């Protein structure tokens, strides 16, 4: 039977700190992030509409390469059947952004 060969999917929701590697200044395209807690590069959409509109309207200053966003994210982990590959993160969504930690290069101003 085919069911023997299907993997499993688990939905996860967590608070994370993300570096933004590619931001989107217009529309609802995919952003690229580096997750601090997962230590992985991820791509996904920001579904926190109010924040995204304010960012794209210029009301929130651009996110720099060393800035960190505090965000609630959701994603699915797909685990293939044994011997059929590594687990994959899919369907990443940033559902809430609570803060942007600005890093202007002055170490003493960073929160630890």
N, C-alpha and C. Protein backbone atom coordinates (compact mmCIF):
# COMPACT_ATOMS: atom_id res chain seq x y z
N UNK A 1 0.82 -1.21 0.00
CA UNK A 1 0.00 0.00 0.00
C UNK A 1 0.86 1.26 0.00
N UNK A 2 0.38 2.29 -0.68
CA UNK A 2 1.12 3.56 -0.79
C UNK A 2 1.33 4.23 0.56
N UNK A 3 0.38 4.11 1.48
CA UNK A 3 0.47 4.82 2.76
C UNK A 3 1.77 4.51 3.50
N UNK A 4 2.32 3.34 3.27
CA UNK A 4 3.57 2.96 3.94
C UNK A 4 4.71 3.92 3.59
N UNK A 5 4.62 4.53 2.41
CA UNK A 5 5.74 5.32 1.92
C UNK A 5 5.54 6.82 2.10
N UNK A 6 4.43 7.22 2.67
CA UNK A 6 4.17 8.64 2.86
C UNK A 6 4.87 9.13 4.13
N UNK A 7 5.36 10.35 4.06
CA UNK A 7 5.97 10.95 5.24
C UNK A 7 4.91 11.56 6.13
N UNK A 8 5.37 12.25 7.17
CA UNK A 8 4.44 12.90 8.09
C UNK A 8 4.72 14.40 8.11
N UNK A 9 3.68 15.18 8.42
CA UNK A 9 3.80 16.63 8.49
C UNK A 9 3.33 17.08 9.86
N UNK A 10 4.11 17.94 10.49
CA UNK A 10 3.76 18.49 11.80
C UNK A 10 3.77 20.01 11.69
N UNK A 11 2.72 20.66 12.19
CA UNK A 11 2.66 22.13 12.18
C UNK A 11 3.25 22.67 13.47
N UNK A 12 4.07 23.69 13.34
CA UNK A 12 4.79 24.28 14.47
C UNK A 12 4.47 25.78 14.52
N UNK A 13 4.33 26.32 15.73
CA UNK A 13 4.24 27.76 15.93
C UNK A 13 5.23 28.12 17.02
N UNK A 14 6.08 29.11 16.76
CA UNK A 14 7.04 29.50 17.79
C UNK A 14 7.45 30.95 17.64
N UNK A 15 7.98 31.50 18.72
CA UNK A 15 8.55 32.83 18.70
C UNK A 15 10.02 32.68 18.34
N UNK A 16 10.48 33.50 17.40
CA UNK A 16 11.84 33.36 16.90
C UNK A 16 12.44 34.75 16.69
N UNK A 17 13.72 34.76 16.53
CA UNK A 17 14.45 35.97 16.15
C UNK A 17 15.00 35.70 14.76
N UNK A 18 14.74 36.63 13.83
CA UNK A 18 15.09 36.41 12.43
C UNK A 18 15.94 37.55 11.90
N UNK A 19 17.01 37.21 11.19
CA UNK A 19 17.70 38.17 10.35
C UNK A 19 16.96 38.18 9.02
N UNK A 20 16.77 39.35 8.43
CA UNK A 20 16.14 39.43 7.11
C UNK A 20 17.25 39.46 6.07
N UNK A 21 17.28 38.47 5.18
CA UNK A 21 18.31 38.45 4.14
C UNK A 21 17.79 39.04 2.83
N UNK A 22 16.49 38.92 2.57
CA UNK A 22 15.86 39.57 1.42
C UNK A 22 14.51 40.10 1.87
N UNK A 23 14.32 41.44 1.79
CA UNK A 23 13.04 42.02 2.15
C UNK A 23 12.28 42.38 0.87
N UNK A 24 10.98 42.58 1.00
CA UNK A 24 10.14 42.89 -0.14
C UNK A 24 9.47 44.23 0.12
N UNK A 25 9.77 45.21 -0.72
CA UNK A 25 9.26 46.55 -0.50
C UNK A 25 7.93 46.82 -1.18
N UNK A 26 7.44 45.87 -1.95
CA UNK A 26 6.17 46.05 -2.64
C UNK A 26 5.50 44.69 -2.81
N UNK A 27 4.20 44.65 -2.57
CA UNK A 27 3.46 43.41 -2.81
C UNK A 27 3.61 42.40 -1.68
N UNK A 28 3.20 41.18 -1.98
CA UNK A 28 3.15 40.13 -0.96
C UNK A 28 4.07 38.97 -1.32
N UNK A 29 5.25 39.29 -1.82
CA UNK A 29 6.18 38.24 -2.26
C UNK A 29 6.87 37.59 -1.07
N UNK A 30 7.67 36.59 -1.38
CA UNK A 30 8.38 35.81 -0.37
C UNK A 30 9.61 36.58 0.12
N UNK A 31 9.78 36.64 1.44
CA UNK A 31 10.96 37.20 2.07
C UNK A 31 11.92 36.06 2.38
N UNK A 32 13.19 36.39 2.56
CA UNK A 32 14.17 35.39 3.01
C UNK A 32 14.70 35.80 4.37
N UNK A 33 14.85 34.81 5.24
CA UNK A 33 15.26 35.04 6.62
C UNK A 33 16.35 34.06 7.00
N UNK A 34 17.05 34.39 8.10
CA UNK A 34 17.90 33.41 8.77
C UNK A 34 17.39 33.31 10.19
N UNK A 35 16.92 32.14 10.56
CA UNK A 35 16.36 31.91 11.88
C UNK A 35 17.48 31.67 12.88
N UNK A 36 17.45 32.40 14.00
CA UNK A 36 18.47 32.21 15.03
C UNK A 36 18.20 30.91 15.80
N UNK A 37 16.94 30.64 16.16
CA UNK A 37 16.67 29.45 16.97
C UNK A 37 16.82 28.15 16.17
N UNK A 38 16.47 28.18 14.88
CA UNK A 38 16.57 26.97 14.06
C UNK A 38 17.92 26.86 13.35
N UNK A 39 18.68 27.97 13.33
CA UNK A 39 19.97 28.04 12.65
C UNK A 39 19.84 27.58 11.19
N UNK A 40 18.83 28.14 10.51
CA UNK A 40 18.56 27.77 9.12
C UNK A 40 18.15 29.00 8.33
N UNK A 41 18.37 28.94 7.02
CA UNK A 41 17.82 29.94 6.12
C UNK A 41 16.42 29.49 5.74
N UNK A 42 15.47 30.44 5.77
CA UNK A 42 14.07 30.13 5.51
C UNK A 42 13.50 31.17 4.55
N UNK A 43 12.48 30.79 3.81
CA UNK A 43 11.76 31.74 2.96
C UNK A 43 10.28 31.63 3.29
N UNK A 44 9.60 32.78 3.29
CA UNK A 44 8.17 32.76 3.56
C UNK A 44 7.57 34.14 3.44
N UNK A 45 6.27 34.18 3.60
CA UNK A 45 5.54 35.44 3.50
C UNK A 45 5.30 36.02 4.90
N UNK A 46 5.19 37.34 4.95
CA UNK A 46 4.76 38.02 6.18
C UNK A 46 3.25 38.20 6.06
N UNK A 47 2.51 37.55 6.95
CA UNK A 47 1.05 37.65 6.91
C UNK A 47 0.52 38.65 7.93
N UNK A 48 1.42 39.31 8.67
CA UNK A 48 1.05 40.38 9.60
C UNK A 48 0.80 41.63 8.76
N UNK A 49 -0.44 41.75 8.24
CA UNK A 49 -0.77 42.75 7.22
C UNK A 49 -0.50 44.19 7.66
N UNK A 50 -0.91 44.54 8.88
CA UNK A 50 -0.73 45.93 9.33
C UNK A 50 0.75 46.29 9.34
N UNK A 51 1.59 45.40 9.86
CA UNK A 51 3.02 45.67 9.92
C UNK A 51 3.59 45.79 8.51
N UNK A 52 3.21 44.86 7.63
CA UNK A 52 3.73 44.86 6.27
C UNK A 52 3.34 46.14 5.53
N UNK A 53 2.10 46.58 5.69
CA UNK A 53 1.66 47.83 5.04
C UNK A 53 2.46 49.01 5.56
N UNK A 54 2.66 49.08 6.87
CA UNK A 54 3.42 50.20 7.45
C UNK A 54 4.87 50.16 6.97
N UNK A 55 5.46 48.96 6.88
CA UNK A 55 6.84 48.83 6.40
C UNK A 55 6.94 49.28 4.94
N UNK A 56 6.03 48.79 4.11
CA UNK A 56 6.09 49.11 2.69
C UNK A 56 5.70 50.55 2.39
N UNK A 57 4.97 51.21 3.30
CA UNK A 57 4.64 52.62 3.14
C UNK A 57 5.75 53.53 3.67
N UNK A 58 6.82 52.93 4.21
CA UNK A 58 7.94 53.72 4.72
C UNK A 58 7.76 54.23 6.13
N UNK A 59 6.72 53.78 6.83
CA UNK A 59 6.48 54.23 8.21
C UNK A 59 7.39 53.51 9.20
N UNK A 60 7.93 52.38 8.79
CA UNK A 60 8.92 51.66 9.59
C UNK A 60 10.21 51.71 8.79
N UNK A 61 11.31 52.21 9.39
CA UNK A 61 12.58 52.29 8.64
C UNK A 61 13.02 50.93 8.11
N UNK A 62 13.73 50.96 7.00
CA UNK A 62 14.19 49.72 6.35
C UNK A 62 14.97 48.86 7.34
N UNK A 63 14.85 47.56 7.18
CA UNK A 63 15.54 46.61 8.04
C UNK A 63 16.93 46.38 7.47
N UNK A 64 17.96 46.60 8.30
CA UNK A 64 19.34 46.43 7.86
C UNK A 64 19.82 45.00 8.01
N UNK A 65 21.01 44.72 7.47
CA UNK A 65 21.53 43.35 7.47
C UNK A 65 21.83 42.80 8.86
N UNK A 66 22.05 43.67 9.85
CA UNK A 66 22.36 43.19 11.19
C UNK A 66 21.19 43.35 12.15
N UNK A 67 20.08 43.88 11.65
CA UNK A 67 18.89 44.03 12.49
C UNK A 67 18.21 42.67 12.66
N UNK A 68 17.54 42.50 13.79
CA UNK A 68 16.85 41.25 14.09
C UNK A 68 15.38 41.56 14.34
N UNK A 69 14.49 40.79 13.72
CA UNK A 69 13.08 40.97 14.02
C UNK A 69 12.63 39.88 14.99
N UNK A 70 11.87 40.32 16.00
CA UNK A 70 11.24 39.39 16.93
C UNK A 70 9.89 39.04 16.32
N UNK A 71 9.68 37.77 16.02
CA UNK A 71 8.49 37.39 15.28
C UNK A 71 7.90 36.08 15.78
N UNK A 72 6.59 35.97 15.60
CA UNK A 72 5.92 34.68 15.79
C UNK A 72 5.79 34.08 14.40
N UNK A 73 6.27 32.84 14.26
CA UNK A 73 6.23 32.18 12.95
C UNK A 73 5.48 30.86 13.05
N UNK A 74 4.93 30.45 11.92
CA UNK A 74 4.34 29.11 11.81
C UNK A 74 4.96 28.44 10.59
N UNK A 75 5.09 27.14 10.67
CA UNK A 75 5.61 26.38 9.53
C UNK A 75 5.26 24.92 9.72
N UNK A 76 5.41 24.17 8.65
CA UNK A 76 5.22 22.73 8.69
C UNK A 76 6.58 22.06 8.57
N UNK A 77 6.78 21.00 9.33
CA UNK A 77 7.97 20.16 9.14
C UNK A 77 7.49 18.88 8.48
N UNK A 78 7.98 18.65 7.27
CA UNK A 78 7.66 17.42 6.56
C UNK A 78 8.81 16.44 6.79
N UNK A 79 8.48 15.29 7.36
CA UNK A 79 9.48 14.25 7.59
C UNK A 79 9.18 13.11 6.62
N UNK A 80 10.09 12.90 5.66
CA UNK A 80 9.85 11.83 4.69
C UNK A 80 10.00 10.46 5.36
N UNK A 81 9.54 9.41 4.67
CA UNK A 81 9.72 8.06 5.23
C UNK A 81 11.20 7.76 5.46
N UNK A 82 11.47 6.88 6.38
CA UNK A 82 12.85 6.52 6.73
C UNK A 82 13.65 6.17 5.47
N UNK A 83 14.83 6.77 5.37
CA UNK A 83 15.71 6.49 4.24
C UNK A 83 15.36 7.26 2.98
N UNK A 84 14.38 8.18 3.05
CA UNK A 84 13.94 8.91 1.86
C UNK A 84 14.26 10.40 1.92
N UNK A 85 15.28 10.77 2.70
CA UNK A 85 15.67 12.18 2.73
C UNK A 85 15.54 12.78 4.11
N UNK A 86 15.89 14.05 4.18
CA UNK A 86 15.91 14.80 5.43
C UNK A 86 14.58 15.54 5.64
N UNK A 87 14.24 15.83 6.91
CA UNK A 87 13.06 16.66 7.16
C UNK A 87 13.20 18.03 6.49
N UNK A 88 12.07 18.58 6.05
CA UNK A 88 12.07 19.88 5.37
C UNK A 88 11.08 20.81 6.04
N UNK A 89 11.46 22.10 6.10
CA UNK A 89 10.55 23.13 6.60
C UNK A 89 9.81 23.70 5.40
N UNK A 90 8.49 23.74 5.51
CA UNK A 90 7.64 24.22 4.41
C UNK A 90 6.60 25.20 4.95
N UNK A 91 6.05 26.00 4.06
CA UNK A 91 4.90 26.88 4.36
C UNK A 91 5.17 27.85 5.50
N UNK A 92 6.37 28.45 5.52
CA UNK A 92 6.69 29.41 6.58
C UNK A 92 5.84 30.66 6.43
N UNK A 93 5.28 31.10 7.56
CA UNK A 93 4.56 32.38 7.61
C UNK A 93 5.02 33.13 8.85
N UNK A 94 5.27 34.42 8.67
CA UNK A 94 5.55 35.30 9.81
C UNK A 94 4.21 35.94 10.15
N UNK A 95 3.60 35.50 11.26
CA UNK A 95 2.24 35.93 11.55
C UNK A 95 2.18 37.15 12.46
N UNK A 96 3.29 37.46 13.15
CA UNK A 96 3.31 38.65 13.99
C UNK A 96 4.74 39.12 14.18
N UNK A 97 4.96 40.42 14.03
CA UNK A 97 6.27 41.01 14.31
C UNK A 97 6.09 41.96 15.48
N UNK A 98 6.78 41.68 16.58
CA UNK A 98 6.58 42.47 17.79
C UNK A 98 7.64 43.55 17.96
N UNK A 99 8.80 43.38 17.33
CA UNK A 99 9.89 44.33 17.57
C UNK A 99 10.96 44.16 16.50
N UNK A 100 11.70 45.24 16.25
CA UNK A 100 12.90 45.16 15.42
C UNK A 100 14.06 45.62 16.29
N UNK A 101 15.02 44.74 16.49
CA UNK A 101 16.22 45.10 17.25
C UNK A 101 17.22 45.69 16.25
N UNK A 102 17.44 46.99 16.37
CA UNK A 102 18.32 47.69 15.44
C UNK A 102 19.76 47.54 15.90
N UNK A 103 20.63 47.11 15.01
CA UNK A 103 22.05 47.00 15.34
C UNK A 103 22.80 48.00 14.48
N UNK A 104 23.16 49.12 15.10
CA UNK A 104 23.88 50.15 14.36
C UNK A 104 25.38 50.03 14.54
N UNK A 105 25.83 48.89 15.07
CA UNK A 105 27.26 48.66 15.19
C UNK A 105 27.83 49.01 16.55
N UNK A 106 27.04 49.60 17.43
CA UNK A 106 27.53 49.95 18.76
C UNK A 106 27.19 48.82 19.72
N UNK A 107 28.20 48.03 20.08
CA UNK A 107 27.98 46.83 20.88
C UNK A 107 27.27 47.11 22.20
N UNK A 108 27.62 48.21 22.85
CA UNK A 108 27.08 48.45 24.19
C UNK A 108 25.59 48.73 24.18
N UNK A 109 25.00 48.98 23.01
CA UNK A 109 23.57 49.25 22.95
C UNK A 109 22.74 47.99 22.71
N UNK A 110 23.40 46.87 22.48
CA UNK A 110 22.65 45.65 22.17
C UNK A 110 22.06 45.04 23.44
N UNK A 111 20.85 44.52 23.31
CA UNK A 111 20.26 43.73 24.40
C UNK A 111 20.89 42.35 24.36
N UNK A 112 21.09 41.77 25.54
CA UNK A 112 21.63 40.41 25.57
C UNK A 112 20.68 39.50 26.30
